[in-house]
Amino acid sequence: MVSMYSTNDLQTTLEEYFGAEPWDDPDIYWKRSAMAFIKQARTPTLILHGAEDQRVPVGQAQELYMGLKKNDVPVTLVFYPRMGHGLTEPRHQLDKIRRESAFFAKHVLGQEPPRQELVP
């Protein structure tokens, strides 16, 4: 959460939520950070992220991905070029739907998903 605070566009929101800036109360930020609990993670994870996202910077996705990967949690990370905090290009939207469908087929239903062309 400290790196999130310093790289996004929501500093005021985080200050209001946590009641402090991270350097004034680092523990409150750490205790609410995914990285504080990453060694307990076991759930397969699909991270789909806009490459130009300013609300949740790409470093947040990379940090989560690396934490999960280093702890042997099945994880996939996809960056969509030109996209911010949401996908607006139809090709990317279709890719997202296909990836989510394949992910849930495998990890929820235990099925082998059909082979599909995945892009960005």
C-alpha atoms as a PDB file:
ATOM      1  CA  MET A   1       0.000   0.000   0.000  1.00  0.00           C
ATOM      2  CA  VAL A   2       2.959   2.350   0.479  1.00  0.00           C
ATOM      3  CA  SER A   3       3.990   1.989  -3.152  1.00  0.00           C
ATOM      4  CA  MET A   4       0.326   2.297  -4.191  1.00  0.00           C
ATOM      5  CA  TYR A   5       0.063   5.573  -2.282  1.00  0.00           C
ATOM      6  CA  SER A   6       3.144   6.984  -3.915  1.00  0.00           C
ATOM      7  CA  THR A   7       2.350   6.042  -7.512  1.00  0.00           C
ATOM      8  CA  ASN A   8      -1.414   6.472  -7.997  1.00  0.00           C
ATOM      9  CA  ASP A   9      -3.766   9.441  -8.214  1.00  0.00           C
ATOM     10  CA  LEU A  10      -5.666   8.764  -4.977  1.00  0.00           C
ATOM     11  CA  GLN A  11      -3.417  10.047  -2.189  1.00  0.00           C
ATOM     12  CA  THR A  12      -6.212  12.040  -0.533  1.00  0.00           C
ATOM     13  CA  THR A  13      -8.567   9.058  -0.636  1.00  0.00           C
ATOM     14  CA  LEU A  14      -5.969   6.774   0.963  1.00  0.00           C
ATOM     15  CA  GLU A  15      -5.145   9.384   3.619  1.00  0.00           C
ATOM     16  CA  GLU A  16      -8.832   9.631   4.518  1.00  0.00           C
ATOM     17  CA  TYR A  17      -9.273   5.860   4.532  1.00  0.00           C
ATOM     18  CA  PHE A  18      -6.185   5.092   6.631  1.00  0.00           C
ATOM     19  CA  GLY A  19      -6.236   8.299   8.671  1.00  0.00           C
ATOM     20  CA  ALA A  20      -2.583   9.059   7.940  1.00  0.00           C
ATOM     21  CA  GLU A  21       0.098   9.315   5.315  1.00  0.00           C
ATOM     22  CA  PRO A  22       2.234   6.158   5.011  1.00  0.00           C
ATOM     23  CA  TRP A  23       5.333   7.713   6.599  1.00  0.00           C
ATOM     24  CA  ASP A  24       3.280   8.804   9.607  1.00  0.00           C
ATOM     25  CA  ASP A  25       1.729   5.359  10.189  1.00  0.00           C
ATOM     26  CA  PRO A  26       3.476   2.711   8.082  1.00  0.00           C
ATOM     27  CA  ASP A  27       1.931  -0.144  10.078  1.00  0.00           C
ATOM     28  CA  ILE A  28      -1.620   0.728   9.070  1.00  0.00           C
ATOM     29  CA  TYR A  29      -0.632   0.638   5.402  1.00  0.00           C
ATOM     30  CA  TRP A  30       1.363  -2.587   5.753  1.00  0.00           C
ATOM     31  CA  LYS A  31      -1.375  -4.429   7.650  1.00  0.00           C
ATOM     32  CA  ARG A  32      -3.803  -3.699   4.810  1.00  0.00           C
ATOM     33  CA  SER A  33      -1.398  -4.630   2.048  1.00  0.00           C
ATOM     34  CA  ALA A  34      -1.757  -7.816   0.029  1.00  0.00           C
ATOM     35  CA  MET A  35       1.987  -8.282   0.369  1.00  0.00           C
ATOM     36  CA  ALA A  36       1.662  -8.605   4.146  1.00  0.00           C
ATOM     37  CA  PHE A  37      -0.321 -11.814   3.595  1.00  0.00           C
ATOM     38  CA  ILE A  38       1.208 -13.083   0.368  1.00  0.00           C
ATOM     39  CA  LYS A  39       2.767 -16.168   1.976  1.00  0.00           C
ATOM     40  CA  GLN A  40      -0.751 -17.325   2.955  1.00  0.00           C
ATOM     41  CA  ALA A  41      -2.126 -16.995  -0.591  1.00  0.00           C
ATOM     42  CA  ARG A  42      -3.148 -20.216  -2.332  1.00  0.00           C
ATOM     43  CA  THR A  43      -5.920 -19.169  -4.725  1.00  0.00           C
ATOM     44  CA  PRO A  44      -5.126 -19.330  -8.443  1.00  0.00           C
ATOM     45  CA  THR A  45      -5.161 -15.759  -9.712  1.00  0.00           C
ATOM     46  CA  LEU A  46      -5.716 -14.060 -13.055  1.00  0.00           C
ATOM     47  CA  ILE A  47      -4.476 -10.458 -13.186  1.00  0.00           C
ATOM     48  CA  LEU A  48      -5.759  -8.426 -16.157  1.00  0.00           C
ATOM     49  CA  HIS A  49      -4.365  -4.914 -16.222  1.00  0.00           C
ATOM     50  CA  GLY A  50      -4.363  -1.853 -18.434  1.00  0.00           C
ATOM     51  CA  ALA A  51      -0.796  -0.958 -19.385  1.00  0.00           C
ATOM     52  CA  GLU A  52      -1.586   2.768 -19.038  1.00  0.00           C
ATOM     53  CA  ASP A  53      -3.590   2.539 -15.774  1.00  0.00           C
ATOM     54  CA  GLN A  54      -3.006   5.574 -13.557  1.00  0.00           C
ATOM     55  CA  ARG A  55      -5.554   4.602 -10.885  1.00  0.00           C
ATOM     56  CA  VAL A  56      -3.806   1.300 -10.133  1.00  0.00           C
ATOM     57  CA  PRO A  57      -0.309   1.606 -11.612  1.00  0.00           C
ATOM     58  CA  VAL A  58       1.239  -1.383 -13.390  1.00  0.00           C
ATOM     59  CA  GLY A  59       3.740  -1.806 -10.574  1.00  0.00           C
ATOM     60  CA  GLN A  60       0.890  -2.962  -8.342  1.00  0.00           C
ATOM     61  CA  ALA A  61       0.057  -5.789 -10.749  1.00  0.00           C
ATOM     62  CA  GLN A  62       3.731  -6.706 -11.080  1.00  0.00           C
ATOM     63  CA  GLU A  63       4.196  -6.741  -7.308  1.00  0.00           C
ATOM     64  CA  LEU A  64       1.196  -9.026  -6.764  1.00  0.00           C
ATOM     65  CA  TYR A  65       2.227 -11.291  -9.642  1.00  0.00           C
ATOM     66  CA  MET A  66       5.770 -11.722  -8.333  1.00  0.00           C
ATOM     67  CA  GLY A  67       4.583 -12.339  -4.774  1.00  0.00           C
ATOM     68  CA  LEU A  68       2.189 -15.053  -5.916  1.00  0.00           C
ATOM     69  CA  LYS A  69       4.660 -16.616  -8.357  1.00  0.00           C
ATOM     70  CA  LYS A  70       7.475 -16.750  -5.787  1.00  0.00           C
ATOM     71  CA  ASN A  71       5.064 -18.491  -3.392  1.00  0.00           C
ATOM     72  CA  ASP A  72       4.062 -21.122  -5.983  1.00  0.00           C
ATOM     73  CA  VAL A  73       0.513 -19.841  -6.465  1.00  0.00           C
ATOM     74  CA  PRO A  74      -0.794 -20.366 -10.005  1.00  0.00           C
ATOM     75  CA  VAL A  75      -0.904 -16.869 -11.490  1.00  0.00           C
ATOM     76  CA  THR A  76      -1.227 -15.265 -14.900  1.00  0.00           C
ATOM     77  CA  LEU A  77      -0.569 -11.591 -15.624  1.00  0.00           C
ATOM     78  CA  VAL A  78      -1.777  -9.878 -18.789  1.00  0.00           C
ATOM     79  CA  PHE A  79      -1.183  -6.239 -19.699  1.00  0.00           C
ATOM     80  CA  TYR A  80      -3.474  -4.644 -22.266  1.00  0.00           C
ATOM     81  CA  PRO A  81      -1.648  -2.015 -24.341  1.00  0.00           C
ATOM     82  CA  ARG A  82      -3.129   1.482 -24.529  1.00  0.00           C
ATOM     83  CA  MET A  83      -5.658   0.706 -21.773  1.00  0.00           C
ATOM     84  CA  GLY A  84      -6.154   2.607 -18.549  1.00  0.00           C
ATOM     85  CA  HIS A  85      -8.427   1.609 -15.663  1.00  0.00           C
ATOM     86  CA  GLY A  86     -10.856  -0.366 -17.784  1.00  0.00           C
ATOM     87  CA  LEU A  87     -10.856  -1.905 -21.235  1.00  0.00           C
ATOM     88  CA  THR A  88     -12.408   0.141 -24.020  1.00  0.00           C
ATOM     89  CA  GLU A  89     -11.153  -1.601 -27.155  1.00  0.00           C
ATOM     90  CA  PRO A  90     -13.478  -4.416 -28.339  1.00  0.00           C
ATOM     91  CA  ARG A  91     -10.544  -6.709 -29.124  1.00  0.00           C
ATOM     92  CA  HIS A  92      -9.266  -6.378 -25.555  1.00  0.00           C
ATOM     93  CA  GLN A  93     -12.759  -6.857 -24.119  1.00  0.00           C
ATOM     94  CA  LEU A  94     -13.139 -10.089 -26.092  1.00  0.00           C
ATOM     95  CA  ASP A  95      -9.731 -11.294 -24.961  1.00  0.00           C
ATOM     96  CA  LYS A  96     -10.664 -10.567 -21.334  1.00  0.00           C
ATOM     97  CA  ILE A  97     -13.902 -12.556 -21.636  1.00  0.00           C
ATOM     98  CA  ARG A  98     -12.068 -15.486 -23.197  1.00  0.00           C
ATOM     99  CA  ARG A  99      -9.345 -15.488 -20.563  1.00  0.00           C
ATOM    100  CA  GLU A 100     -11.849 -15.273 -17.698  1.00  0.00           C
ATOM    101  CA  SER A 101     -13.956 -18.069 -19.186  1.00  0.00           C
ATOM    102  CA  ALA A 102     -10.913 -20.322 -19.609  1.00  0.00           C
ATOM    103  CA  PHE A 103      -9.684 -19.471 -16.109  1.00  0.00           C
ATOM    104  CA  PHE A 104     -13.001 -20.326 -14.442  1.00  0.00           C
ATOM    105  CA  ALA A 105     -13.432 -23.479 -16.536  1.00  0.00           C
ATOM    106  CA  LYS A 106     -10.057 -24.707 -15.314  1.00  0.00           C
ATOM    107  CA  HIS A 107      -9.929 -23.492 -11.705  1.00  0.00           C
ATOM    108  CA  VAL A 108     -13.606 -23.601 -10.719  1.00  0.00           C
ATOM    109  CA  LEU A 109     -15.172 -26.297 -12.896  1.00  0.00           C
ATOM    110  CA  GLY A 110     -12.056 -28.447 -13.288  1.00  0.00           C
ATOM    111  CA  GLN A 111     -12.505 -28.573 -17.046  1.00  0.00           C
ATOM    112  CA  GLU A 112      -9.907 -28.228 -19.729  1.00  0.00           C
ATOM    113  CA  PRO A 113     -10.917 -25.027 -21.536  1.00  0.00           C
ATOM    114  CA  PRO A 114     -11.151 -25.071 -25.343  1.00  0.00           C
ATOM    115  CA  ARG A 115      -8.149 -23.689 -27.227  1.00  0.00           C
ATOM    116  CA  GLN A 116      -8.838 -20.121 -28.241  1.00  0.00           C
ATOM    117  CA  GLU A 117      -6.762 -17.378 -29.714  1.00  0.00           C
ATOM    118  CA  LEU A 118      -5.822 -15.008 -26.918  1.00  0.00           C
ATOM    119  CA  VAL A 119      -4.592 -11.562 -27.763  1.00  0.00           C
ATOM    120  CA  PRO A 120      -3.592  -8.386 -27.000  1.00  0.00           C
END
